[in-house]
Amino acid sequence: MKDFILDEEIKNVTSKKTKVYLEEVLSTYYNGNYRSCIVVLYSVVLFDLIQKLTILKESYSDKKAEEILKDIENKQAIDERYSVIENTLIDRICNETALLNSIEKKQLREMPVGYCYLYYA
């Protein structure tokens, strides 16, 4: 199995915004700000998922992507808690698209827990 080296993998990211945000993740990591690194990485992943849904909707008229984005917008409009919005986004993407598989879903769900562990350690 090939090692995953984030410094190298960033070169493969096509979204300019996501690439900039991932460089920020690396910066927080190299500066020893590990809790910040987890929080920023989690935010970047969610941002990138929303960007991918937006591309699917706008470029390919993907109805499922449109439905998921509308659901998220509706939850934001009624001021739903962020954790509910995040979990809805992750669940729907995993269950209704090919963007995330169940292992990636589990890993995403564990990221905030990892932050809490580092916070209280």
N, C-alpha and C. Protein backbone atom coordinates (compact mmCIF):
# COMPACT_ATOMS: atom_id res chain seq x y z
N MET A 1 0.84 -1.19 0.00
CA MET A 1 0.00 0.00 0.00
C MET A 1 0.89 1.25 0.00
N LYS A 2 0.55 2.18 -0.84
CA LYS A 2 1.31 3.42 -0.97
C LYS A 2 1.01 4.34 0.22
N ASP A 3 2.07 4.97 0.76
CA ASP A 3 1.88 5.92 1.86
C ASP A 3 1.12 7.14 1.36
N PHE A 4 0.29 7.69 2.25
CA PHE A 4 -0.45 8.91 1.93
C PHE A 4 0.30 10.07 2.55
N ILE A 5 0.85 10.93 1.71
CA ILE A 5 1.60 12.09 2.19
C ILE A 5 0.84 13.33 1.73
N LEU A 6 0.25 14.03 2.69
CA LEU A 6 -0.63 15.15 2.36
C LEU A 6 0.08 16.21 1.53
N ASP A 7 1.34 16.49 1.86
CA ASP A 7 2.08 17.50 1.08
C ASP A 7 2.08 17.16 -0.41
N GLU A 8 2.19 15.88 -0.72
CA GLU A 8 2.20 15.44 -2.12
C GLU A 8 0.79 15.39 -2.70
N GLU A 9 -0.17 14.94 -1.91
CA GLU A 9 -1.54 14.76 -2.40
C GLU A 9 -2.23 16.09 -2.68
N ILE A 10 -1.83 17.15 -2.00
CA ILE A 10 -2.43 18.47 -2.24
C ILE A 10 -2.26 18.87 -3.71
N LYS A 11 -1.18 18.43 -4.32
CA LYS A 11 -0.94 18.76 -5.73
C LYS A 11 -2.03 18.21 -6.64
N ASN A 12 -2.72 17.17 -6.20
CA ASN A 12 -3.77 16.55 -7.02
C ASN A 12 -5.15 17.19 -6.83
N VAL A 13 -5.27 18.12 -5.90
CA VAL A 13 -6.55 18.77 -5.63
C VAL A 13 -6.83 19.77 -6.74
N THR A 14 -7.99 19.67 -7.36
CA THR A 14 -8.30 20.54 -8.50
C THR A 14 -8.95 21.86 -8.08
N SER A 15 -9.66 21.86 -6.96
CA SER A 15 -10.31 23.08 -6.49
C SER A 15 -9.28 24.01 -5.86
N LYS A 16 -9.17 25.22 -6.42
CA LYS A 16 -8.19 26.18 -5.90
C LYS A 16 -8.49 26.56 -4.45
N LYS A 17 -9.76 26.77 -4.15
CA LYS A 17 -10.13 27.14 -2.78
C LYS A 17 -9.81 26.02 -1.80
N THR A 18 -10.17 24.80 -2.17
CA THR A 18 -9.89 23.66 -1.30
C THR A 18 -8.39 23.50 -1.10
N LYS A 19 -7.62 23.71 -2.15
CA LYS A 19 -6.17 23.59 -2.05
C LYS A 19 -5.61 24.62 -1.06
N VAL A 20 -6.08 25.85 -1.14
CA VAL A 20 -5.64 26.89 -0.21
C VAL A 20 -6.00 26.51 1.22
N TYR A 21 -7.22 26.01 1.42
CA TYR A 21 -7.65 25.62 2.76
C TYR A 21 -6.84 24.44 3.29
N LEU A 22 -6.50 23.49 2.42
CA LEU A 22 -5.69 22.35 2.86
C LEU A 22 -4.27 22.79 3.23
N GLU A 23 -3.76 23.79 2.54
CA GLU A 23 -2.45 24.34 2.91
C GLU A 23 -2.52 24.97 4.29
N GLU A 24 -3.65 25.58 4.62
CA GLU A 24 -3.85 26.12 5.97
C GLU A 24 -3.87 24.98 7.00
N VAL A 25 -4.48 23.87 6.65
CA VAL A 25 -4.49 22.70 7.54
C VAL A 25 -3.05 22.27 7.82
N LEU A 26 -2.25 22.16 6.78
CA LEU A 26 -0.84 21.78 6.96
C LEU A 26 -0.10 22.78 7.83
N SER A 27 -0.36 24.04 7.62
CA SER A 27 0.30 25.08 8.41
C SER A 27 -0.02 24.93 9.89
N THR A 28 -1.29 24.71 10.22
CA THR A 28 -1.65 24.55 11.63
C THR A 28 -1.01 23.29 12.21
N TYR A 29 -0.90 22.24 11.40
CA TYR A 29 -0.28 21.00 11.87
C TYR A 29 1.21 21.22 12.13
N TYR A 30 1.91 21.81 11.17
CA TYR A 30 3.35 22.00 11.32
C TYR A 30 3.69 22.98 12.44
N ASN A 31 2.76 23.85 12.78
CA ASN A 31 2.97 24.77 13.89
C ASN A 31 2.60 24.16 15.23
N GLY A 32 2.17 22.91 15.22
CA GLY A 32 1.85 22.21 16.46
C GLY A 32 0.46 22.50 16.99
N ASN A 33 -0.37 23.13 16.19
CA ASN A 33 -1.74 23.45 16.61
C ASN A 33 -2.67 22.33 16.16
N TYR A 34 -2.56 21.20 16.85
CA TYR A 34 -3.23 19.97 16.40
C TYR A 34 -4.75 20.04 16.51
N ARG A 35 -5.26 20.66 17.57
CA ARG A 35 -6.73 20.79 17.68
C ARG A 35 -7.25 21.67 16.55
N SER A 36 -6.57 22.76 16.31
CA SER A 36 -6.97 23.65 15.21
C SER A 36 -6.90 22.92 13.88
N CYS A 37 -5.90 22.10 13.73
CA CYS A 37 -5.73 21.33 12.49
C CYS A 37 -6.95 20.45 12.24
N ILE A 38 -7.42 19.76 13.27
CA ILE A 38 -8.58 18.87 13.12
C ILE A 38 -9.83 19.68 12.78
N VAL A 39 -10.02 20.79 13.47
CA VAL A 39 -11.21 21.62 13.23
C VAL A 39 -11.20 22.17 11.81
N VAL A 40 -10.05 22.69 11.39
CA VAL A 40 -9.96 23.26 10.04
C VAL A 40 -10.11 22.16 8.99
N LEU A 41 -9.50 21.01 9.21
CA LEU A 41 -9.63 19.91 8.25
C LEU A 41 -11.08 19.47 8.11
N TYR A 42 -11.78 19.35 9.22
CA TYR A 42 -13.19 18.97 9.19
C TYR A 42 -14.00 19.99 8.38
N SER A 43 -13.74 21.26 8.63
CA SER A 43 -14.44 22.32 7.89
C SER A 43 -14.13 22.27 6.40
N VAL A 44 -12.88 22.01 6.06
CA VAL A 44 -12.47 21.94 4.66
C VAL A 44 -13.16 20.78 3.96
N VAL A 45 -13.23 19.64 4.62
CA VAL A 45 -13.89 18.47 4.02
C VAL A 45 -15.36 18.78 3.75
N LEU A 46 -16.04 19.38 4.73
CA LEU A 46 -17.46 19.71 4.53
C LEU A 46 -17.62 20.75 3.42
N PHE A 47 -16.75 21.75 3.41
CA PHE A 47 -16.77 22.76 2.35
C PHE A 47 -16.61 22.09 0.98
N ASP A 48 -15.64 21.19 0.87
CA ASP A 48 -15.38 20.54 -0.40
C ASP A 48 -16.55 19.67 -0.85
N LEU A 49 -17.19 19.00 0.09
CA LEU A 49 -18.38 18.20 -0.25
C LEU A 49 -19.50 19.08 -0.81
N ILE A 50 -19.70 20.23 -0.18
CA ILE A 50 -20.73 21.16 -0.66
C ILE A 50 -20.35 21.68 -2.06
N GLN A 51 -19.07 21.97 -2.26
CA GLN A 51 -18.62 22.42 -3.58
C GLN A 51 -18.87 21.34 -4.64
N LYS A 52 -18.60 20.10 -4.30
CA LYS A 52 -18.82 18.99 -5.25
C LYS A 52 -20.31 18.85 -5.58
N LEU A 53 -21.16 18.98 -4.56
CA LEU A 53 -22.61 18.93 -4.82
C LEU A 53 -23.04 20.07 -5.73
N THR A 54 -22.48 21.24 -5.49
CA THR A 54 -22.81 22.42 -6.30
C THR A 54 -22.40 22.20 -7.75
N ILE A 55 -21.23 21.64 -7.97
CA ILE A 55 -20.78 21.34 -9.33
C ILE A 55 -21.71 20.32 -9.99
N LEU A 56 -22.07 19.28 -9.25
CA LEU A 56 -22.99 18.28 -9.80
C LEU A 56 -24.32 18.91 -10.18
N LYS A 57 -24.80 19.80 -9.34
CA LYS A 57 -26.09 20.45 -9.60
C LYS A 57 -26.00 21.39 -10.80
N GLU A 58 -24.99 22.26 -10.81
CA GLU A 58 -24.91 23.30 -11.83
C GLU A 58 -24.39 22.79 -13.18
N SER A 59 -23.44 21.89 -13.16
CA SER A 59 -22.83 21.44 -14.41
C SER A 59 -23.51 20.22 -15.02
N TYR A 60 -24.12 19.40 -14.15
CA TYR A 60 -24.70 18.15 -14.64
C TYR A 60 -26.20 18.02 -14.35
N SER A 61 -26.79 19.09 -13.82
CA SER A 61 -28.22 19.09 -13.47
C SER A 61 -28.60 17.88 -12.63
N ASP A 62 -27.73 17.53 -11.69
CA ASP A 62 -27.94 16.37 -10.83
C ASP A 62 -29.03 16.68 -9.81
N LYS A 63 -30.15 16.00 -9.93
CA LYS A 63 -31.31 16.25 -9.05
C LYS A 63 -31.03 15.87 -7.61
N LYS A 64 -30.30 14.79 -7.39
CA LYS A 64 -30.00 14.36 -6.02
C LYS A 64 -29.13 15.40 -5.32
N ALA A 65 -28.13 15.91 -6.01
CA ALA A 65 -27.28 16.96 -5.44
C ALA A 65 -28.11 18.19 -5.12
N GLU A 66 -29.02 18.53 -6.02
CA GLU A 66 -29.90 19.69 -5.81
C GLU A 66 -30.77 19.48 -4.57
N GLU A 67 -31.31 18.29 -4.41
CA GLU A 67 -32.15 17.98 -3.24
C GLU A 67 -31.36 18.09 -1.93
N ILE A 68 -30.16 17.57 -1.93
CA ILE A 68 -29.33 17.61 -0.72
C ILE A 68 -28.99 19.06 -0.37
N LEU A 69 -28.58 19.84 -1.37
CA LEU A 69 -28.26 21.25 -1.12
C LEU A 69 -29.47 22.01 -0.62
N LYS A 70 -30.64 21.75 -1.18
CA LYS A 70 -31.87 22.41 -0.74
C LYS A 70 -32.19 22.04 0.70
N ASP A 71 -32.02 20.79 1.05
CA ASP A 71 -32.24 20.33 2.42
C ASP A 71 -31.32 21.08 3.39
N ILE A 72 -30.06 21.21 3.02
CA ILE A 72 -29.09 21.92 3.87
C ILE A 72 -29.48 23.39 3.99
N GLU A 73 -29.85 24.02 2.88
CA GLU A 73 -30.27 25.42 2.91
C GLU A 73 -31.49 25.61 3.80
N ASN A 74 -32.45 24.70 3.72
CA ASN A 74 -33.65 24.78 4.56
C ASN A 74 -33.30 24.68 6.04
N LYS A 75 -32.39 23.78 6.38
CA LYS A 75 -31.98 23.63 7.77
C LYS A 75 -31.25 24.88 8.26
N GLN A 76 -30.45 25.49 7.39
CA GLN A 76 -29.77 26.74 7.76
C GLN A 76 -30.79 27.86 7.96
N ALA A 77 -31.81 27.89 7.12
CA ALA A 77 -32.82 28.95 7.18
C ALA A 77 -33.61 28.91 8.48
N ILE A 78 -33.82 27.72 9.02
CA ILE A 78 -34.56 27.63 10.29
C ILE A 78 -33.61 27.62 11.49
N ASP A 79 -32.33 27.94 11.20
CA ASP A 79 -31.32 28.07 12.25
C ASP A 79 -31.10 26.76 13.01
N GLU A 80 -31.10 25.67 12.26
CA GLU A 80 -30.84 24.35 12.85
C GLU A 80 -29.40 24.32 13.38
N ARG A 81 -29.17 23.53 14.41
CA ARG A 81 -27.82 23.41 14.97
C ARG A 81 -26.86 22.92 13.89
N TYR A 82 -25.63 23.43 13.95
CA TYR A 82 -24.63 23.04 12.96
C TYR A 82 -24.38 21.54 12.95
N SER A 83 -24.38 20.91 14.12
CA SER A 83 -24.12 19.47 14.16
C SER A 83 -25.19 18.70 13.40
N VAL A 84 -26.43 19.15 13.47
CA VAL A 84 -27.51 18.50 12.72
C VAL A 84 -27.30 18.70 11.22
N ILE A 85 -26.94 19.90 10.83
CA ILE A 85 -26.69 20.20 9.42
C ILE A 85 -25.52 19.36 8.90
N GLU A 86 -24.44 19.32 9.67
CA GLU A 86 -23.26 18.55 9.25
C GLU A 86 -23.59 17.07 9.12
N ASN A 87 -24.28 16.52 10.11
CA ASN A 87 -24.63 15.10 10.07
C ASN A 87 -25.58 14.79 8.92
N THR A 88 -26.52 15.69 8.66
CA THR A 88 -27.43 15.50 7.53
C THR A 88 -26.65 15.48 6.22
N LEU A 89 -25.74 16.42 6.08
CA LEU A 89 -24.91 16.50 4.87
C LEU A 89 -24.13 15.20 4.68
N ILE A 90 -23.45 14.76 5.71
CA ILE A 90 -22.63 13.54 5.63
C ILE A 90 -23.51 12.32 5.33
N ASP A 91 -24.61 12.18 6.07
CA ASP A 91 -25.49 11.03 5.88
C ASP A 91 -26.06 10.97 4.46
N ARG A 92 -26.58 12.10 4.02
CA ARG A 92 -27.23 12.10 2.70
C ARG A 92 -26.22 11.87 1.58
N ILE A 93 -25.06 12.46 1.70
CA ILE A 93 -24.04 12.24 0.67
C ILE A 93 -23.62 10.78 0.64
N CYS A 94 -23.43 10.19 1.80
CA CYS A 94 -23.02 8.78 1.86
C CYS A 94 -24.12 7.86 1.34
N ASN A 95 -25.34 8.13 1.74
CA ASN A 95 -26.46 7.24 1.40
C ASN A 95 -27.02 7.44 -0.01
N GLU A 96 -26.84 8.64 -0.56
CA GLU A 96 -27.52 8.96 -1.81
C GLU A 96 -26.61 9.30 -2.99
N THR A 97 -25.30 9.35 -2.74
CA THR A 97 -24.36 9.64 -3.83
C THR A 97 -23.17 8.67 -3.74
N ALA A 98 -22.25 8.83 -4.66
CA ALA A 98 -21.03 8.02 -4.64
C ALA A 98 -19.83 8.83 -4.16
N LEU A 99 -20.09 9.99 -3.54
CA LEU A 99 -18.99 10.84 -3.09
C LEU A 99 -18.31 10.33 -1.82
N LEU A 100 -19.05 9.64 -0.98
CA LEU A 100 -18.52 9.10 0.27
C LEU A 100 -18.96 7.66 0.43
N ASN A 101 -18.08 6.84 0.96
CA ASN A 101 -18.50 5.48 1.31
C ASN A 101 -18.68 5.39 2.82
N SER A 102 -19.10 4.25 3.31
CA SER A 102 -19.41 4.11 4.73
C SER A 102 -18.17 4.26 5.62
N ILE A 103 -17.02 3.85 5.13
CA ILE A 103 -15.78 4.00 5.92
C ILE A 103 -15.43 5.48 6.05
N GLU A 104 -15.52 6.22 4.95
CA GLU A 104 -15.23 7.65 4.99
C GLU A 104 -16.25 8.38 5.87
N LYS A 105 -17.49 7.94 5.81
CA LYS A 105 -18.53 8.53 6.67
C LYS A 105 -18.15 8.35 8.14
N LYS A 106 -17.74 7.15 8.50
CA LYS A 106 -17.35 6.87 9.88
C LYS A 106 -16.15 7.73 10.29
N GLN A 107 -15.18 7.86 9.40
CA GLN A 107 -14.01 8.68 9.70
C GLN A 107 -14.39 10.14 9.88
N LEU A 108 -15.28 10.63 9.04
CA LEU A 108 -15.74 12.02 9.19
C LEU A 108 -16.46 12.23 10.50
N ARG A 109 -17.29 11.28 10.87
CA ARG A 109 -18.04 11.38 12.12
C ARG A 109 -17.12 11.38 13.34
N GLU A 110 -15.96 10.74 13.22
CA GLU A 110 -15.03 10.65 14.34
C GLU A 110 -14.12 11.87 14.47
N MET A 111 -14.05 12.71 13.45
CA MET A 111 -13.16 13.87 13.51
C MET A 111 -13.49 14.81 14.66
N PRO A 112 -14.75 15.21 14.86
CA PRO A 112 -15.03 16.09 16.00
C PRO A 112 -14.74 15.41 17.34
N VAL A 113 -14.90 14.10 17.40
CA VAL A 113 -14.59 13.37 18.63
C VAL A 113 -13.09 13.44 18.90
N GLY A 114 -12.29 13.33 17.84
CA GLY A 114 -10.84 13.45 17.98
C GLY A 114 -10.45 14.82 18.50
N TYR A 115 -11.14 15.85 18.03
CA TYR A 115 -10.88 17.20 18.52
C TYR A 115 -11.16 17.28 20.01
N CYS A 116 -12.28 16.74 20.44
CA CYS A 116 -12.64 16.77 21.86
C CYS A 116 -11.62 16.01 22.69
N TYR A 117 -11.14 14.88 22.16
CA TYR A 117 -10.15 14.09 22.89
C TYR A 117 -8.88 14.92 23.09
N LEU A 118 -8.41 15.59 22.05
CA LEU A 118 -7.21 16.41 22.18
C LEU A 118 -7.44 17.59 23.10
N TYR A 119 -8.66 18.12 23.10
CA TYR A 119 -8.98 19.27 23.93
C TYR A 119 -8.87 18.93 25.41
N TYR A 120 -9.36 17.76 25.77
CA TYR A 120 -9.38 17.38 27.18
C TYR A 120 -8.17 16.58 27.60
N ALA A 121 -7.28 16.25 26.67
CA ALA A 121 -6.09 15.46 27.01
C ALA A 121 -5.04 16.31 27.69
